Protein backbone atom coordinates (compact mmCIF):
# COMPACT_ATOMS: atom_id res chain seq x y z
CA MET A 1 140.98 194.83 55.13
CA ALA A 2 142.86 196.16 58.15
CA VAL A 3 141.00 197.04 61.33
CA LEU A 4 142.49 199.94 63.23
CA PRO A 5 143.22 199.25 66.92
CA ALA A 6 141.21 202.28 68.03
CA ALA A 7 138.23 201.15 65.97
CA ALA A 8 138.44 197.63 67.38
CA ALA A 9 138.68 198.96 70.94
CA ALA A 10 135.64 201.18 70.38
CA ALA A 11 133.70 198.26 68.93
CA TYR A 12 134.57 195.99 71.85
CA GLN A 13 133.61 198.74 74.27
CA ALA A 14 130.27 199.19 72.51
CA ILE A 15 129.58 195.45 72.66
CA ALA A 16 130.54 195.32 76.34
CA GLN A 17 128.22 198.23 77.03
CA MET A 18 125.45 196.48 75.09
CA GLY A 19 125.88 193.41 77.28
CA ALA A 20 125.87 195.47 80.46
CA ASN A 21 122.71 197.33 79.44
CA ALA A 22 120.82 194.21 78.34
CA THR A 23 117.46 193.86 80.04
CA PRO A 24 115.26 190.80 79.84
CA THR A 25 112.30 191.16 77.50
CA ALA A 26 108.81 189.82 78.06
CA GLY A 27 109.12 187.18 75.32
CA ALA A 28 112.67 186.16 76.17
CA VAL A 29 113.47 182.51 76.63
CA PRO A 30 114.64 181.85 80.20
CA ALA A 31 118.30 180.97 80.46
CA ASP A 32 119.01 177.32 81.10
CA VAL A 33 121.90 175.96 83.16
CA SER A 34 124.32 176.08 80.22
CA GLY A 35 123.57 179.77 79.51
CA ALA A 36 122.93 179.06 75.82
CA ALA A 37 119.67 181.01 75.77
CA SER A 38 121.27 184.13 77.19
CA PHE A 39 124.08 183.97 74.62
CA SER A 40 121.59 183.56 71.78
CA ASN A 41 119.61 186.55 73.09
CA PHE A 42 122.81 188.58 73.33
CA LEU A 43 123.80 187.62 69.80
CA SER A 44 120.33 188.40 68.46
CA ASP A 45 120.32 191.80 70.17
CA ALA A 46 123.80 192.57 68.84
CA VAL A 47 122.74 191.76 65.27
CA LYS A 48 119.59 193.88 65.60
CA ASP A 49 121.64 196.78 67.00
CA SER A 50 124.11 196.45 64.11
CA ILE A 51 121.30 196.58 61.57
CA ASP A 52 119.77 199.62 63.30
CA THR A 53 123.14 201.41 63.27
CA MET A 54 123.57 200.81 59.55
CA LYS A 55 120.01 201.92 58.79
CA HIS A 56 120.58 205.09 60.81
CA GLY A 57 123.75 205.83 58.81
CA GLU A 58 121.88 205.36 55.54
CA ALA A 59 119.01 207.55 56.74
CA MET A 60 121.38 210.31 57.77
CA ALA A 61 123.16 210.17 54.41
CA THR A 62 119.80 210.41 52.65
CA LYS A 63 118.83 213.42 54.78
CA GLN A 64 122.12 215.11 53.92
CA VAL A 65 121.52 214.64 50.20
CA ALA A 66 118.12 216.30 50.67
CA GLY A 67 119.77 219.12 52.65
CA GLN A 68 117.94 218.30 55.88
CA SER A 69 120.85 217.28 58.08
CA ASN A 70 124.06 218.62 59.55
CA ILE A 71 127.22 217.23 57.93
CA VAL A 72 128.81 216.47 61.32
CA ASP A 73 125.86 214.26 62.30
CA VAL A 74 126.07 212.49 58.94
CA VAL A 75 129.78 211.82 59.30
CA ASN A 76 129.30 210.48 62.83
CA ALA A 77 126.45 208.19 61.73
CA VAL A 78 128.35 206.90 58.70
CA ASN A 79 131.49 206.31 60.78
CA ALA A 80 129.44 204.37 63.33
CA ALA A 81 127.93 202.28 60.53
CA GLU A 82 131.38 201.63 59.05
CA LEU A 83 132.76 200.61 62.45
CA THR A 84 129.79 198.29 62.97
CA LEU A 85 130.29 196.69 59.57
CA ASP A 86 134.01 196.19 60.24
CA THR A 87 133.19 194.57 63.58
CA VAL A 88 130.59 192.26 62.07
CA VAL A 89 133.00 191.19 59.33
CA ALA A 90 135.77 190.56 61.87
CA VAL A 91 133.46 188.44 64.03
CA ARG A 92 132.28 186.53 60.96
CA ASP A 93 135.89 185.84 59.95
CA LYS A 94 136.69 184.55 63.45
CA VAL A 95 133.63 182.27 63.42
CA VAL A 96 134.58 180.85 60.02
CA ALA A 97 138.18 180.33 61.15
CA ALA A 98 136.98 178.56 64.30
CA TYR A 99 134.67 176.33 62.25
CA GLN A 100 137.49 175.44 59.86
CA SER A 101 139.78 174.72 62.78
CA ILE A 102 137.21 172.37 64.31
CA MET A 103 136.61 170.63 60.99
CA ASN A 104 140.37 170.04 60.57
CA MET A 105 140.72 168.36 63.97
CA PRO A 106 141.54 164.67 63.83
CA ILE A 107 138.91 162.35 65.21
């Protein structure tokens, strides 16, 4: 599966914007010196946002089938969901490749 450069750039921009707009929540774990807690919060928020984007795309498609939505809004929502899925798959592939690279290192 090929990822278009424009789609990748838009995905990276969306993730960067997500990180810039992140606000601490009341139940958030305070960041320790290593910054691991803040990365885990960022990753958790990114996954939740991805799931919400896909659910919104599905909801818009369902509304269109029922005749309750504008086709332009549906196309935009489905494209956003597709871009999110492509980004998640690309990140997953990079994580798996990094894991395999670490496992192949000589000790």
